[in-house]
N, C-alpha and C. Protein backbone atom coordinates (compact mmCIF):
# COMPACT_ATOMS: atom_id res chain seq x y z
N MET A 1 60.83 -186.09 26.87
CA MET A 1 62.07 -185.84 25.93
C MET A 1 62.16 -185.14 24.74
N LEU A 2 61.12 -185.12 24.14
CA LEU A 2 60.75 -184.26 22.89
C LEU A 2 60.70 -182.94 23.09
N PRO A 3 60.03 -182.39 24.41
CA PRO A 3 60.17 -180.92 24.53
C PRO A 3 61.54 -180.39 24.67
N GLU A 4 62.37 -181.28 25.46
CA GLU A 4 63.65 -180.79 25.54
C GLU A 4 64.55 -180.65 24.24
N ILE A 5 64.36 -181.70 23.41
CA ILE A 5 64.96 -181.65 22.04
C ILE A 5 64.58 -180.76 21.25
N LEU A 6 63.06 -180.32 21.14
CA LEU A 6 62.77 -179.06 20.41
C LEU A 6 63.18 -177.78 21.05
N GLU A 7 63.32 -177.70 22.32
CA GLU A 7 63.71 -176.67 23.19
C GLU A 7 65.20 -176.28 22.67
N ILE A 8 66.05 -177.30 22.73
CA ILE A 8 67.52 -177.25 22.26
C ILE A 8 67.53 -176.93 20.83
N ALA A 9 66.69 -177.48 19.81
CA ALA A 9 66.79 -177.08 18.58
C ALA A 9 66.50 -175.56 18.42
N MET A 10 65.45 -174.98 19.06
CA MET A 10 65.20 -173.64 19.17
C MET A 10 66.45 -172.75 19.46
N ILE A 11 67.10 -173.12 20.80
CA ILE A 11 68.14 -172.30 21.33
C ILE A 11 69.33 -172.46 20.28
N VAL A 12 69.54 -173.53 19.85
CA VAL A 12 70.83 -173.81 18.97
C VAL A 12 70.39 -173.00 17.53
N SER A 13 69.28 -172.92 17.29
CA SER A 13 69.21 -172.21 15.89
C SER A 13 69.08 -170.82 16.19
N PHE A 14 68.79 -170.16 17.38
CA PHE A 14 68.75 -168.91 17.74
C PHE A 14 70.33 -168.48 17.87
N GLY A 15 71.04 -169.37 18.63
CA GLY A 15 72.39 -168.97 18.92
C GLY A 15 73.41 -169.40 17.65
N ALA A 16 73.01 -170.00 16.60
CA ALA A 16 74.09 -170.37 15.59
C ALA A 16 74.69 -168.96 15.04
N SER A 17 73.85 -167.99 14.94
CA SER A 17 74.57 -166.70 14.39
C SER A 17 75.13 -165.86 15.29
N TRP A 18 75.15 -165.90 16.58
CA TRP A 18 76.03 -165.10 17.46
C TRP A 18 77.46 -165.26 17.48
N PRO A 19 78.19 -166.42 17.22
CA PRO A 19 79.52 -166.28 17.05
C PRO A 19 79.87 -165.51 15.75
N LEU A 20 78.96 -165.79 14.62
CA LEU A 20 79.34 -164.93 13.56
C LEU A 20 79.06 -163.55 13.82
N SER A 21 78.32 -163.12 14.49
CA SER A 21 77.93 -161.61 14.88
C SER A 21 79.12 -161.12 15.65
N VAL A 22 79.66 -162.11 16.58
CA VAL A 22 80.71 -161.50 17.21
C VAL A 22 82.21 -161.45 16.54
N ILE A 23 82.20 -162.20 15.60
CA ILE A 23 83.33 -162.08 14.65
C ILE A 23 83.33 -160.85 13.80
N LYS A 24 81.93 -160.73 13.40
CA LYS A 24 81.72 -159.42 12.41
C LYS A 24 82.01 -158.05 13.33
N SER A 25 81.48 -158.05 14.41
CA SER A 25 81.67 -156.81 15.25
C SER A 25 83.27 -156.76 15.50
N TYR A 26 83.78 -157.70 15.90
CA TYR A 26 85.28 -157.48 16.33
C TYR A 26 86.08 -156.96 15.08
N ARG A 27 85.64 -157.47 13.80
CA ARG A 27 86.48 -157.22 12.54
C ARG A 27 86.00 -155.80 12.11
N ALA A 28 84.89 -155.58 12.20
CA ALA A 28 84.21 -154.24 11.60
C ALA A 28 84.79 -152.81 12.26
N ARG A 29 84.84 -153.26 13.59
CA ARG A 29 85.42 -151.95 14.57
C ARG A 29 84.65 -150.87 14.50
N THR A 30 83.49 -150.95 14.06
CA THR A 30 82.33 -149.88 14.25
C THR A 30 81.11 -150.43 14.74
N ALA A 31 80.25 -149.68 15.54
CA ALA A 31 78.90 -149.85 16.12
C ALA A 31 78.08 -149.50 15.22
N LYS A 32 78.26 -148.97 14.05
CA LYS A 32 77.17 -148.47 13.21
C LYS A 32 76.57 -149.87 12.77
N GLY A 33 75.05 -149.64 12.68
CA GLY A 33 74.25 -150.77 12.11
C GLY A 33 73.90 -151.71 13.25
N LYS A 34 74.53 -151.59 14.62
CA LYS A 34 74.04 -152.47 15.55
C LYS A 34 73.39 -151.54 16.72
N SER A 35 72.39 -152.21 17.34
CA SER A 35 71.54 -151.42 18.38
C SER A 35 71.80 -152.23 19.71
N ALA A 36 72.42 -151.23 20.91
CA ALA A 36 72.75 -151.85 21.92
C ALA A 36 71.32 -152.18 22.74
N VAL A 37 70.38 -151.39 22.54
CA VAL A 37 69.03 -151.69 23.09
C VAL A 37 68.53 -153.04 22.71
N PHE A 38 68.52 -153.39 21.45
CA PHE A 38 68.33 -154.87 20.85
C PHE A 38 69.06 -155.86 21.51
N ILE A 39 70.39 -155.59 21.69
CA ILE A 39 71.24 -156.75 22.31
C ILE A 39 70.82 -156.93 23.61
N CYS A 40 70.71 -155.79 24.33
CA CYS A 40 70.08 -156.04 25.72
C CYS A 40 68.92 -156.71 25.97
N LEU A 41 67.84 -156.38 25.10
CA LEU A 41 66.79 -157.35 25.02
C LEU A 41 66.91 -158.45 24.87
N ILE A 42 67.80 -159.09 23.79
CA ILE A 42 68.16 -160.44 23.78
C ILE A 42 68.77 -160.90 25.24
N LEU A 43 69.58 -160.37 25.65
CA LEU A 43 70.23 -160.81 27.06
C LEU A 43 69.15 -160.91 27.94
N ILE A 44 68.16 -159.93 28.01
CA ILE A 44 67.11 -160.06 29.14
C ILE A 44 66.31 -161.42 28.73
N GLY A 45 66.12 -161.77 27.61
CA GLY A 45 65.41 -162.96 27.16
C GLY A 45 66.10 -164.32 27.50
N TYR A 46 67.38 -164.34 27.37
CA TYR A 46 68.08 -165.39 27.65
C TYR A 46 68.31 -165.50 29.30
N ALA A 47 68.53 -164.49 30.07
CA ALA A 47 68.20 -164.34 31.41
C ALA A 47 67.15 -164.79 32.00
N ALA A 48 66.13 -164.50 31.21
CA ALA A 48 64.57 -164.97 31.81
C ALA A 48 64.49 -166.44 31.46
N GLY A 49 65.14 -166.76 30.40
CA GLY A 49 65.16 -168.39 30.13
C GLY A 49 66.07 -169.21 30.95
N ILE A 50 67.08 -168.58 31.53
CA ILE A 50 67.84 -169.31 32.46
C ILE A 50 67.23 -169.25 33.68
N THR A 51 66.54 -168.09 34.13
CA THR A 51 65.96 -168.15 35.34
C THR A 51 64.61 -169.06 35.43
N ALA A 52 63.80 -169.03 34.32
CA ALA A 52 62.86 -170.22 34.24
C ALA A 52 63.34 -171.45 34.51
N LYS A 53 64.53 -171.69 33.87
CA LYS A 53 65.12 -173.38 33.94
C LYS A 53 65.32 -173.59 35.61
N LEU A 54 66.22 -172.59 36.03
CA LEU A 54 66.63 -172.51 37.60
C LEU A 54 65.54 -172.71 38.56
N THR A 55 64.36 -172.05 38.18
CA THR A 55 63.10 -172.07 39.15
C THR A 55 62.01 -172.94 38.82
N ASN A 56 62.50 -173.85 37.83
CA ASN A 56 61.48 -174.81 37.56
C ASN A 56 61.66 -176.21 38.30
N PRO A 57 60.90 -176.69 39.21
CA PRO A 57 61.43 -177.85 40.08
C PRO A 57 61.36 -178.99 39.25
N VAL A 58 60.28 -179.19 38.29
CA VAL A 58 60.58 -180.45 37.63
C VAL A 58 61.87 -180.51 36.83
N TYR A 59 62.13 -179.40 36.41
CA TYR A 59 63.70 -179.30 35.55
C TYR A 59 64.88 -179.59 36.41
N MET A 60 64.64 -178.79 37.66
CA MET A 60 65.77 -179.06 38.46
C MET A 60 65.91 -180.49 39.01
N ALA A 61 64.54 -181.24 39.19
CA ALA A 61 64.69 -182.49 39.87
C ALA A 61 65.50 -183.38 39.02
N SER A 62 65.73 -183.15 37.65
CA SER A 62 66.06 -184.09 36.62
C SER A 62 67.40 -183.48 35.94
N PHE A 63 67.87 -182.29 36.83
CA PHE A 63 69.03 -181.45 36.12
C PHE A 63 70.25 -182.30 35.68
N SER A 64 70.61 -183.41 36.42
CA SER A 64 71.66 -184.25 36.12
C SER A 64 71.51 -184.92 34.82
N GLU A 65 70.27 -185.04 34.37
CA GLU A 65 69.99 -185.69 32.94
C GLU A 65 69.84 -184.58 31.93
N LYS A 66 69.56 -183.48 32.43
CA LYS A 66 68.95 -182.54 31.35
C LYS A 66 70.01 -181.02 31.59
N TRP A 67 71.02 -181.16 32.11
CA TRP A 67 71.97 -180.06 32.13
C TRP A 67 72.21 -179.22 30.73
N TYR A 68 72.22 -180.12 29.86
CA TYR A 68 72.56 -179.47 28.48
C TYR A 68 71.63 -178.62 27.99
N VAL A 69 70.32 -178.54 28.51
CA VAL A 69 69.34 -177.58 28.07
C VAL A 69 69.81 -176.37 28.50
N LEU A 70 70.11 -176.24 29.79
CA LEU A 70 70.54 -174.88 30.33
C LEU A 70 71.92 -174.42 29.83
N PHE A 71 72.88 -175.41 29.48
CA PHE A 71 74.06 -175.02 28.93
C PHE A 71 73.88 -174.06 27.69
N PHE A 72 73.06 -174.64 26.74
CA PHE A 72 72.69 -173.79 25.48
C PHE A 72 72.34 -172.39 25.83
N TYR A 73 71.40 -172.18 26.79
CA TYR A 73 70.96 -170.85 27.26
C TYR A 73 72.39 -169.90 27.89
N VAL A 74 72.98 -170.73 28.77
CA VAL A 74 73.98 -169.90 29.13
C VAL A 74 75.10 -169.55 28.00
N LEU A 75 75.32 -170.63 27.11
CA LEU A 75 76.28 -170.23 26.08
C LEU A 75 76.08 -169.04 25.19
N ASN A 76 74.63 -168.99 24.69
CA ASN A 76 73.98 -167.92 23.97
C ASN A 76 74.14 -166.59 24.71
N PHE A 77 73.83 -166.82 25.96
CA PHE A 77 73.88 -165.37 26.71
C PHE A 77 75.33 -164.95 26.79
N CYS A 78 76.19 -165.78 26.95
CA CYS A 78 77.75 -165.36 26.74
C CYS A 78 78.27 -164.87 25.55
N MET A 79 77.51 -165.51 24.43
CA MET A 79 77.70 -164.85 23.04
C MET A 79 77.28 -163.42 23.18
N VAL A 80 76.07 -163.28 23.21
CA VAL A 80 75.35 -162.18 23.23
C VAL A 80 75.98 -161.04 24.11
N GLY A 81 76.43 -161.53 25.17
CA GLY A 81 77.26 -160.53 26.12
C GLY A 81 78.61 -159.99 25.60
N ALA A 82 79.12 -160.93 24.85
CA ALA A 82 80.40 -160.59 24.22
C ALA A 82 80.02 -159.74 23.08
N ASP A 83 78.91 -159.78 22.27
CA ASP A 83 78.79 -158.88 21.24
C ASP A 83 78.32 -157.51 21.73
N LEU A 84 77.80 -157.62 23.05
CA LEU A 84 77.49 -156.36 23.75
C LEU A 84 78.76 -155.43 23.93
N CYS A 85 79.54 -156.21 24.74
CA CYS A 85 81.07 -155.76 25.05
C CYS A 85 81.68 -154.95 23.72
N LEU A 86 81.60 -155.86 22.63
CA LEU A 86 82.20 -155.24 21.40
C LEU A 86 81.50 -154.16 20.72
N TRP A 87 80.24 -154.11 21.15
CA TRP A 87 79.43 -152.73 20.75
C TRP A 87 80.13 -151.52 21.43
N PHE A 88 80.26 -151.68 22.61
CA PHE A 88 80.69 -150.42 23.44
C PHE A 88 82.30 -150.34 23.06
N ARG A 89 83.06 -151.17 22.83
CA ARG A 89 84.47 -151.08 22.18
C ARG A 89 84.23 -150.42 20.87
N ASN A 90 83.37 -150.83 20.01
CA ASN A 90 83.54 -150.18 18.55
C ASN A 90 82.75 -148.77 18.82
N ARG A 91 81.77 -148.44 19.70
CA ARG A 91 81.35 -147.01 19.77
C ARG A 91 82.32 -146.22 20.36
N ARG A 92 83.19 -146.64 21.13
CA ARG A 92 84.40 -145.82 21.50
C ARG A 92 85.31 -145.68 20.35
N LEU A 93 85.70 -146.60 19.58
CA LEU A 93 86.49 -146.47 18.33
C LEU A 93 85.67 -145.43 17.52
N ASP A 94 84.43 -145.38 17.20
CA ASP A 94 83.65 -144.48 16.27
C ASP A 94 84.05 -143.05 16.88
N ARG A 95 83.82 -142.99 18.23
CA ARG A 95 83.91 -141.61 18.78
C ARG A 95 85.31 -141.05 18.57
N LYS A 96 86.40 -142.13 18.83
CA LYS A 96 87.82 -141.60 18.54
C LYS A 96 87.96 -141.12 17.12
N ALA A 97 87.54 -142.06 16.19
CA ALA A 97 87.70 -141.79 14.92
C ALA A 97 87.06 -140.21 14.38
N ALA A 98 85.80 -140.03 14.94
CA ALA A 98 85.11 -138.91 14.64
C ALA A 98 85.90 -137.82 15.28
N ALA A 99 86.66 -137.72 16.50
CA ALA A 99 87.28 -136.75 16.82
C ALA A 99 88.58 -136.36 16.28
N GLY A 100 89.01 -137.57 15.47
CA GLY A 100 90.22 -137.17 14.73
C GLY A 100 90.07 -136.51 13.35
N GLN A 101 88.94 -136.38 12.93
CA GLN A 101 88.63 -136.04 11.62
C GLN A 101 88.51 -134.46 11.74
């Protein structure tokens, strides 16, 4: 039980900043200061974590009791994915603004 609690603490602490990052990206309307490569690396890391959980027979045997661990991985993956989508939107807005000058 303690390993799962510590893992959740890690995932929650890593994921706490993503909603703020998504809001900031949405409001900023610029991709400046953000790296799509960095965001993609984070997505790959979360995908690896999700895959590790789904392919771990010990975890899957007790999935009905420990589903919440995977939930946080998926939630963080979705938040980072939203931030990446906003990066592409903001890059398009940057290009549009540069063409208008």
